[in-house]
Amino acid sequence: MGYKDWVHPVRTYGKGRFAPVGLYPYVKPTVAMTGTAIAGGVTEAEIVAGGETIILTLVNGVFNKNTVAFDAARQAMIDGMDSAQAEAAGWDVEVKAKEVVGAIVRTSDTVVTITLTAQAAYAVTADETITVVIPAALMEGQLESLSAGTFVITAA
């Protein structure tokens, strides 16, 4: 025997049947990385000239809607873009250390666009692999950072 839900009179609950309580299984977000720096690859000269984009699109997640918290976490996003190499005038020295936080823009709930500024002193002797990590503070309800993937900068 069940009872009627007075708010939803069509629904009947009883033994083995439960009303939904609004709890859902957790699904970790994933990210798709696109943009001009990713699609056809990027060269050393394009990093020097600037204007290359990295577009991060979250699936099963949203970027922080609190603009103050998002703005404060943008430097962590820049710091999360790390080179696997240790070039004297490479990514870590010339791009990561000098990139402005204004280069990172939340274009929608699920999309962040990074437009790299010109870095005239950037110079590498071999291809450089960059790993992109999205810090947890940039995403709503996340406790862990999220790896977005890698891209390669081709030496001139």
N, C-alpha and C. Protein backbone atom coordinates (compact mmCIF):
# COMPACT_ATOMS: atom_id res chain seq x y z
N MET A 1 0.85 -1.17 0.00
CA MET A 1 0.00 0.00 0.00
C MET A 1 0.89 1.24 0.00
N GLY A 2 0.55 2.20 -0.80
CA GLY A 2 1.32 3.43 -0.90
C GLY A 2 0.50 4.61 -0.43
N TYR A 3 1.09 5.77 -0.54
CA TYR A 3 0.35 6.98 -0.21
C TYR A 3 0.47 7.95 -1.36
N LYS A 4 -0.44 8.88 -1.42
CA LYS A 4 -0.45 9.88 -2.48
C LYS A 4 0.40 11.07 -2.06
N ASP A 5 1.14 11.58 -3.02
CA ASP A 5 1.91 12.81 -2.83
C ASP A 5 0.96 13.95 -3.17
N TRP A 6 0.64 14.81 -2.20
CA TRP A 6 -0.35 15.87 -2.41
C TRP A 6 0.16 16.95 -3.36
N VAL A 7 1.47 17.11 -3.48
CA VAL A 7 2.01 18.08 -4.42
C VAL A 7 1.94 17.54 -5.84
N HIS A 8 2.22 16.24 -5.98
CA HIS A 8 2.17 15.56 -7.28
C HIS A 8 1.20 14.39 -7.13
N PRO A 9 -0.11 14.61 -7.21
CA PRO A 9 -1.09 13.57 -6.89
C PRO A 9 -1.04 12.35 -7.81
N VAL A 10 -0.40 12.45 -8.97
CA VAL A 10 -0.32 11.30 -9.87
C VAL A 10 0.70 10.28 -9.36
N ARG A 11 1.69 10.74 -8.62
CA ARG A 11 2.74 9.86 -8.13
C ARG A 11 2.30 9.13 -6.86
N THR A 12 2.62 7.88 -6.78
CA THR A 12 2.34 7.09 -5.59
C THR A 12 3.65 6.49 -5.11
N TYR A 13 3.92 6.63 -3.81
CA TYR A 13 5.14 6.10 -3.24
C TYR A 13 4.79 5.01 -2.24
N GLY A 14 5.64 4.07 -2.07
CA GLY A 14 5.41 3.00 -1.11
C GLY A 14 6.66 2.17 -0.98
N LYS A 15 6.49 0.93 -0.55
CA LYS A 15 7.62 0.03 -0.33
C LYS A 15 8.41 -0.14 -1.62
N GLY A 16 9.71 0.16 -1.56
CA GLY A 16 10.58 0.01 -2.72
C GLY A 16 10.48 1.14 -3.73
N ARG A 17 9.66 2.15 -3.47
CA ARG A 17 9.52 3.29 -4.38
C ARG A 17 9.78 4.56 -3.58
N PHE A 18 10.66 5.38 -4.07
CA PHE A 18 11.05 6.56 -3.30
C PHE A 18 10.93 7.81 -4.15
N ALA A 19 10.59 8.88 -3.50
CA ALA A 19 10.52 10.18 -4.17
C ALA A 19 11.93 10.66 -4.47
N PRO A 20 12.13 11.31 -5.61
CA PRO A 20 13.46 11.86 -5.89
C PRO A 20 13.79 12.96 -4.89
N VAL A 21 15.04 12.98 -4.42
CA VAL A 21 15.44 13.98 -3.43
C VAL A 21 16.40 15.01 -4.00
N GLY A 22 16.71 14.93 -5.30
CA GLY A 22 17.58 15.92 -5.91
C GLY A 22 19.05 15.58 -5.85
N LEU A 23 19.40 14.39 -5.43
CA LEU A 23 20.79 13.96 -5.40
C LEU A 23 21.07 13.15 -6.65
N TYR A 24 22.15 13.47 -7.31
CA TYR A 24 22.50 12.78 -8.54
C TYR A 24 23.94 12.30 -8.45
N PRO A 25 24.28 11.25 -9.18
CA PRO A 25 25.66 10.77 -9.15
C PRO A 25 26.62 11.82 -9.69
N TYR A 26 27.80 11.89 -9.10
CA TYR A 26 28.82 12.85 -9.53
C TYR A 26 29.47 12.37 -10.82
N VAL A 27 29.58 13.27 -11.77
CA VAL A 27 30.28 12.99 -13.02
C VAL A 27 31.39 14.03 -13.14
N LYS A 28 32.63 13.57 -13.16
CA LYS A 28 33.76 14.49 -13.25
C LYS A 28 33.75 15.17 -14.61
N PRO A 29 33.94 16.49 -14.63
CA PRO A 29 33.95 17.20 -15.91
C PRO A 29 35.13 16.77 -16.78
N THR A 30 34.94 16.93 -18.07
CA THR A 30 36.02 16.74 -19.03
C THR A 30 36.16 18.05 -19.79
N VAL A 31 37.25 18.18 -20.51
CA VAL A 31 37.49 19.43 -21.23
C VAL A 31 37.95 19.12 -22.65
N ALA A 32 37.44 19.94 -23.57
CA ALA A 32 37.89 19.88 -24.96
C ALA A 32 38.74 21.12 -25.21
N MET A 33 39.95 20.93 -25.72
CA MET A 33 40.85 22.05 -25.97
C MET A 33 40.95 22.28 -27.48
N THR A 34 40.56 23.49 -27.91
CA THR A 34 40.61 23.86 -29.32
C THR A 34 41.24 25.24 -29.43
N GLY A 35 41.19 25.83 -30.62
CA GLY A 35 41.72 27.17 -30.82
C GLY A 35 42.81 27.16 -31.88
N THR A 36 43.27 28.35 -32.24
CA THR A 36 44.27 28.46 -33.30
C THR A 36 45.62 27.88 -32.89
N ALA A 37 45.93 27.88 -31.60
CA ALA A 37 47.19 27.30 -31.13
C ALA A 37 47.12 25.77 -31.11
N ILE A 38 45.92 25.23 -31.20
CA ILE A 38 45.74 23.79 -31.09
C ILE A 38 45.46 23.15 -32.45
N ALA A 39 44.54 23.74 -33.20
CA ALA A 39 44.01 23.13 -34.43
C ALA A 39 45.08 22.69 -35.42
N GLY A 40 45.88 23.61 -35.91
CA GLY A 40 46.89 23.25 -36.90
C GLY A 40 48.29 23.25 -36.32
N GLY A 41 48.38 23.34 -35.02
CA GLY A 41 49.68 23.47 -34.38
C GLY A 41 50.08 24.94 -34.34
N VAL A 42 51.10 25.23 -33.59
CA VAL A 42 51.55 26.61 -33.45
C VAL A 42 53.07 26.64 -33.57
N THR A 43 53.56 27.70 -34.17
CA THR A 43 55.01 27.83 -34.36
C THR A 43 55.58 28.86 -33.40
N GLU A 44 56.89 28.83 -33.29
CA GLU A 44 57.61 29.80 -32.45
C GLU A 44 57.28 31.23 -32.90
N ALA A 45 57.25 31.47 -34.21
CA ALA A 45 56.97 32.80 -34.75
C ALA A 45 55.56 33.28 -34.37
N GLU A 46 54.60 32.36 -34.31
CA GLU A 46 53.23 32.73 -33.94
C GLU A 46 53.13 33.10 -32.46
N ILE A 47 53.92 32.48 -31.61
CA ILE A 47 53.97 32.86 -30.19
C ILE A 47 54.60 34.24 -30.06
N VAL A 48 55.66 34.50 -30.82
CA VAL A 48 56.31 35.82 -30.80
C VAL A 48 55.33 36.90 -31.24
N ALA A 49 54.55 36.63 -32.30
CA ALA A 49 53.61 37.62 -32.83
C ALA A 49 52.39 37.81 -31.93
N GLY A 50 51.98 36.77 -31.20
CA GLY A 50 50.81 36.86 -30.34
C GLY A 50 49.51 36.66 -31.11
N GLY A 51 48.40 36.65 -30.38
CA GLY A 51 47.09 36.52 -30.99
C GLY A 51 46.59 35.09 -31.13
N GLU A 52 47.40 34.10 -30.80
CA GLU A 52 46.96 32.70 -30.86
C GLU A 52 45.96 32.44 -29.74
N THR A 53 44.96 31.60 -30.01
CA THR A 53 43.93 31.32 -29.00
C THR A 53 43.98 29.87 -28.55
N ILE A 54 43.63 29.70 -27.28
CA ILE A 54 43.42 28.38 -26.70
C ILE A 54 42.01 28.44 -26.11
N ILE A 55 41.11 27.61 -26.61
CA ILE A 55 39.72 27.62 -26.16
C ILE A 55 39.47 26.34 -25.37
N LEU A 56 39.04 26.50 -24.12
CA LEU A 56 38.77 25.37 -23.23
C LEU A 56 37.26 25.27 -23.03
N THR A 57 36.68 24.14 -23.41
CA THR A 57 35.24 23.92 -23.29
C THR A 57 34.99 22.79 -22.30
N LEU A 58 34.28 23.09 -21.21
CA LEU A 58 33.97 22.08 -20.19
C LEU A 58 32.73 21.29 -20.59
N VAL A 59 32.77 19.99 -20.34
CA VAL A 59 31.61 19.11 -20.50
C VAL A 59 31.30 18.55 -19.12
N ASN A 60 30.05 18.60 -18.70
CA ASN A 60 29.60 18.18 -17.35
C ASN A 60 30.17 19.08 -16.26
N GLY A 61 30.34 20.34 -16.55
CA GLY A 61 30.83 21.28 -15.57
C GLY A 61 30.67 22.70 -16.08
N VAL A 62 30.83 23.67 -15.18
CA VAL A 62 30.76 25.08 -15.56
C VAL A 62 31.90 25.83 -14.89
N PHE A 63 32.31 26.90 -15.55
CA PHE A 63 33.32 27.76 -14.96
C PHE A 63 32.66 28.63 -13.90
N ASN A 64 33.45 29.09 -12.95
CA ASN A 64 32.95 29.86 -11.82
C ASN A 64 32.20 31.10 -12.30
N LYS A 65 30.94 31.23 -11.86
CA LYS A 65 30.12 32.38 -12.26
C LYS A 65 30.41 33.61 -11.40
N ASN A 66 31.02 33.40 -10.25
CA ASN A 66 31.40 34.50 -9.37
C ASN A 66 32.61 35.19 -10.00
N THR A 67 32.37 36.37 -10.57
CA THR A 67 33.43 37.04 -11.33
C THR A 67 34.64 37.40 -10.46
N VAL A 68 34.42 37.73 -9.20
CA VAL A 68 35.54 38.07 -8.32
C VAL A 68 36.43 36.84 -8.12
N ALA A 69 35.83 35.69 -7.84
CA ALA A 69 36.59 34.46 -7.65
C ALA A 69 37.26 34.02 -8.95
N PHE A 70 36.56 34.18 -10.07
CA PHE A 70 37.13 33.80 -11.36
C PHE A 70 38.33 34.68 -11.69
N ASP A 71 38.17 35.99 -11.50
CA ASP A 71 39.27 36.92 -11.78
C ASP A 71 40.49 36.61 -10.92
N ALA A 72 40.26 36.27 -9.66
CA ALA A 72 41.37 35.96 -8.76
C ALA A 72 42.09 34.67 -9.16
N ALA A 73 41.39 33.76 -9.81
CA ALA A 73 41.97 32.47 -10.17
C ALA A 73 42.63 32.45 -11.55
N ARG A 74 42.52 33.54 -12.29
CA ARG A 74 43.09 33.55 -13.64
C ARG A 74 44.61 33.39 -13.65
N GLN A 75 45.30 33.95 -12.66
CA GLN A 75 46.76 33.76 -12.59
C GLN A 75 47.10 32.29 -12.38
N ALA A 76 46.28 31.59 -11.60
CA ALA A 76 46.51 30.16 -11.41
C ALA A 76 46.35 29.39 -12.72
N MET A 77 45.47 29.88 -13.60
CA MET A 77 45.31 29.25 -14.91
C MET A 77 46.58 29.42 -15.74
N ILE A 78 47.15 30.63 -15.71
CA ILE A 78 48.41 30.88 -16.42
C ILE A 78 49.51 30.00 -15.85
N ASP A 79 49.57 29.92 -14.52
CA ASP A 79 50.59 29.09 -13.87
C ASP A 79 50.40 27.61 -14.18
N GLY A 80 49.16 27.21 -14.50
CA GLY A 80 48.87 25.81 -14.82
C GLY A 80 49.24 25.41 -16.23
N MET A 81 49.74 26.36 -17.02
CA MET A 81 50.19 26.05 -18.38
C MET A 81 51.70 25.89 -18.32
N ASP A 82 52.16 24.65 -18.31
CA ASP A 82 53.56 24.37 -18.00
C ASP A 82 54.28 23.65 -19.14
N SER A 83 55.51 24.04 -19.36
CA SER A 83 56.34 23.43 -20.40
C SER A 83 57.05 22.19 -19.87
N ALA A 84 57.16 21.17 -20.71
CA ALA A 84 57.91 19.97 -20.35
C ALA A 84 59.41 20.19 -20.52
N GLN A 85 59.79 21.24 -21.23
CA GLN A 85 61.20 21.55 -21.45
C GLN A 85 61.63 22.69 -20.52
N ALA A 86 62.91 22.99 -20.52
CA ALA A 86 63.45 24.06 -19.68
C ALA A 86 64.34 24.96 -20.53
N GLU A 87 63.76 25.55 -21.56
CA GLU A 87 64.50 26.44 -22.45
C GLU A 87 64.79 27.76 -21.74
N ALA A 88 65.94 28.36 -22.03
CA ALA A 88 66.34 29.63 -21.41
C ALA A 88 65.38 30.76 -21.76
N ALA A 89 64.84 30.76 -22.98
CA ALA A 89 63.88 31.79 -23.39
C ALA A 89 62.60 31.12 -23.87
N GLY A 90 62.23 30.02 -23.19
CA GLY A 90 61.06 29.24 -23.58
C GLY A 90 59.78 29.68 -22.90
N TRP A 91 58.80 28.80 -22.93
CA TRP A 91 57.45 29.08 -22.43
C TRP A 91 57.45 29.55 -20.99
N ASP A 92 58.08 28.80 -20.09
CA ASP A 92 58.02 29.14 -18.66
C ASP A 92 58.63 30.50 -18.36
N VAL A 93 59.69 30.86 -19.07
CA VAL A 93 60.39 32.13 -18.81
C VAL A 93 59.72 33.30 -19.52
N GLU A 94 59.36 33.12 -20.77
CA GLU A 94 58.87 34.24 -21.57
C GLU A 94 57.35 34.37 -21.65
N VAL A 95 56.63 33.27 -21.67
CA VAL A 95 55.17 33.36 -21.83
C VAL A 95 54.48 33.27 -20.48
N LYS A 96 54.71 32.18 -19.75
CA LYS A 96 54.02 31.99 -18.47
C LYS A 96 54.33 33.12 -17.48
N ALA A 97 55.57 33.54 -17.41
CA ALA A 97 55.97 34.57 -16.46
C ALA A 97 55.48 35.96 -16.84
N LYS A 98 55.20 36.19 -18.13
CA LYS A 98 54.86 37.54 -18.60
C LYS A 98 53.41 37.69 -19.08
N GLU A 99 52.66 36.58 -19.19
CA GLU A 99 51.29 36.67 -19.71
C GLU A 99 50.41 37.45 -18.73
N VAL A 100 49.52 38.28 -19.28
CA VAL A 100 48.63 39.10 -18.45
C VAL A 100 47.35 38.32 -18.17
N VAL A 101 46.77 38.53 -16.98
CA VAL A 101 45.55 37.81 -16.63
C VAL A 101 44.37 38.20 -17.51
N GLY A 102 44.43 39.39 -18.10
CA GLY A 102 43.37 39.82 -19.00
C GLY A 102 43.28 38.99 -20.27
N ALA A 103 44.28 38.16 -20.52
CA ALA A 103 44.27 37.29 -21.70
C ALA A 103 43.28 36.14 -21.55
N ILE A 104 42.83 35.90 -20.31
CA ILE A 104 41.90 34.80 -20.04
C ILE A 104 40.50 35.39 -19.84
N VAL A 105 39.57 34.97 -20.69
CA VAL A 105 38.20 35.51 -20.67
C VAL A 105 37.21 34.36 -20.59
N ARG A 106 36.27 34.47 -19.65
CA ARG A 106 35.17 33.50 -19.56
C ARG A 106 34.11 33.93 -20.56
N THR A 107 34.01 33.23 -21.69
CA THR A 107 33.10 33.64 -22.76
C THR A 107 31.70 33.07 -22.58
N SER A 108 31.54 32.02 -21.78
CA SER A 108 30.22 31.49 -21.43
C SER A 108 30.38 30.62 -20.19
N ASP A 109 29.29 30.00 -19.74
CA ASP A 109 29.36 29.14 -18.56
C ASP A 109 30.34 27.99 -18.74
N THR A 110 30.52 27.54 -19.97
CA THR A 110 31.34 26.36 -20.21
C THR A 110 32.59 26.62 -21.05
N VAL A 111 32.81 27.87 -21.47
CA VAL A 111 33.94 28.16 -22.37
C VAL A 111 34.83 29.28 -21.81
N VAL A 112 36.13 29.03 -21.83
CA VAL A 112 37.13 30.04 -21.49
C VAL A 112 38.06 30.16 -22.69
N THR A 113 38.33 31.41 -23.10
CA THR A 113 39.23 31.67 -24.22
C THR A 113 40.48 32.37 -23.71
N ILE A 114 41.63 31.82 -24.08
CA ILE A 114 42.91 32.43 -23.73
C ILE A 114 43.51 32.95 -25.03
N THR A 115 43.75 34.26 -25.10
CA THR A 115 44.38 34.86 -26.27
C THR A 115 45.79 35.27 -25.86
N LEU A 116 46.77 34.58 -26.39
CA LEU A 116 48.16 34.82 -26.00
C LEU A 116 48.64 36.17 -26.53
N THR A 117 49.29 36.93 -25.65
CA THR A 117 49.85 38.22 -26.05
C THR A 117 51.22 38.00 -26.70
N ALA A 118 51.68 38.98 -27.45
CA ALA A 118 52.98 38.88 -28.14
C ALA A 118 54.11 38.77 -27.12
N GLN A 119 55.05 37.89 -27.41
CA GLN A 119 56.22 37.69 -26.55
C GLN A 119 57.47 37.73 -27.43
N ALA A 120 58.00 38.93 -27.64
CA ALA A 120 59.10 39.15 -28.59
C ALA A 120 60.36 38.36 -28.26
N ALA A 121 60.62 38.09 -26.99
CA ALA A 121 61.86 37.41 -26.60
C ALA A 121 61.75 35.88 -26.61
N TYR A 122 60.57 35.35 -26.94
CA TYR A 122 60.38 33.89 -26.95
C TYR A 122 61.23 33.26 -28.05
N ALA A 123 62.06 32.29 -27.67
CA ALA A 123 62.92 31.59 -28.64
C ALA A 123 63.24 30.21 -28.09
N VAL A 124 63.03 29.18 -28.92
CA VAL A 124 63.33 27.81 -28.49
C VAL A 124 64.22 27.13 -29.53
N THR A 125 65.02 26.18 -29.06
CA THR A 125 65.91 25.45 -29.95
C THR A 125 65.30 24.13 -30.40
N ALA A 126 64.28 23.66 -29.71
CA ALA A 126 63.59 22.40 -30.05
C ALA A 126 62.10 22.58 -29.78
N ASP A 127 61.29 21.69 -30.32
CA ASP A 127 59.85 21.75 -30.08
C ASP A 127 59.57 21.74 -28.58
N GLU A 128 58.54 22.49 -28.18
CA GLU A 128 58.20 22.62 -26.77
C GLU A 128 56.78 22.11 -26.54
N THR A 129 56.61 21.21 -25.57
CA THR A 129 55.30 20.64 -25.25
C THR A 129 54.73 21.35 -24.03
N ILE A 130 53.52 21.89 -24.18
CA ILE A 130 52.87 22.63 -23.11
C ILE A 130 51.69 21.82 -22.60
N THR A 131 51.64 21.61 -21.28
CA THR A 131 50.52 20.92 -20.64
C THR A 131 49.62 21.98 -20.00
N VAL A 132 48.32 21.88 -20.27
CA VAL A 132 47.35 22.85 -19.75
C VAL A 132 46.53 22.18 -18.65
N VAL A 133 46.48 22.83 -17.47
CA VAL A 133 45.71 22.34 -16.34
C VAL A 133 44.77 23.45 -15.88
N ILE A 134 43.49 23.12 -15.72
CA ILE A 134 42.51 24.10 -15.24
C ILE A 134 42.44 23.97 -13.72
N PRO A 135 42.74 25.03 -12.97
CA PRO A 135 42.68 24.95 -11.51
C PRO A 135 41.24 24.78 -11.03
N ALA A 136 41.07 24.09 -9.92
CA ALA A 136 39.74 23.85 -9.35
C ALA A 136 39.00 25.15 -9.06
N ALA A 137 39.72 26.21 -8.68
CA ALA A 137 39.09 27.49 -8.33
C ALA A 137 38.38 28.14 -9.51
N LEU A 138 38.73 27.77 -10.73
CA LEU A 138 38.07 28.33 -11.91
C LEU A 138 36.75 27.65 -12.23
N MET A 139 36.49 26.49 -11.60
CA MET A 139 35.28 25.73 -11.89
C MET A 139 34.39 25.67 -10.66
N GLU A 140 33.09 25.66 -10.88
CA GLU A 140 32.15 25.58 -9.76
C GLU A 140 32.08 24.16 -9.21
N GLY A 141 32.16 24.05 -7.89
CA GLY A 141 31.98 22.78 -7.21
C GLY A 141 33.09 21.77 -7.39
N GLN A 142 34.26 22.19 -7.82
CA GLN A 142 35.35 21.25 -8.05
C GLN A 142 36.39 21.36 -6.94
N LEU A 143 36.91 20.21 -6.54
CA LEU A 143 37.95 20.17 -5.53
C LEU A 143 39.31 19.84 -6.12
N GLU A 144 39.32 19.34 -7.35
CA GLU A 144 40.57 18.95 -8.01
C GLU A 144 40.76 19.72 -9.30
N SER A 145 42.01 19.96 -9.63
CA SER A 145 42.33 20.56 -10.93
C SER A 145 42.02 19.55 -12.03
N LEU A 146 41.85 20.07 -13.24
CA LEU A 146 41.46 19.23 -14.37
C LEU A 146 42.47 19.39 -15.50
N SER A 147 43.05 18.30 -15.94
CA SER A 147 44.01 18.35 -17.04
C SER A 147 43.27 18.51 -18.36
N ALA A 148 43.65 19.55 -19.12
CA ALA A 148 43.00 19.83 -20.40
C ALA A 148 43.72 19.15 -21.56
N GLY A 149 44.98 18.80 -21.37
CA GLY A 149 45.74 18.16 -22.43
C GLY A 149 47.02 18.92 -22.73
N THR A 150 47.60 18.62 -23.89
CA THR A 150 48.86 19.25 -24.28
C THR A 150 48.79 19.78 -25.70
N PHE A 151 49.70 20.69 -26.01
CA PHE A 151 49.91 21.13 -27.38
C PHE A 151 51.40 21.37 -27.57
N VAL A 152 51.83 21.36 -28.83
CA VAL A 152 53.26 21.46 -29.14
C VAL A 152 53.53 22.75 -29.91
N ILE A 153 54.56 23.47 -29.50
CA ILE A 153 55.03 24.64 -30.22
C ILE A 153 56.25 24.20 -31.04
N THR A 154 56.16 24.39 -32.34
CA THR A 154 57.23 23.96 -33.24
C THR A 154 58.32 25.03 -33.31
N ALA A 155 59.56 24.62 -33.08
CA ALA A 155 60.70 25.54 -33.15
C ALA A 155 60.91 25.98 -34.60
N ALA A 156 61.39 27.23 -34.76
CA ALA A 156 61.62 27.76 -36.12
C ALA A 156 62.84 27.15 -36.76
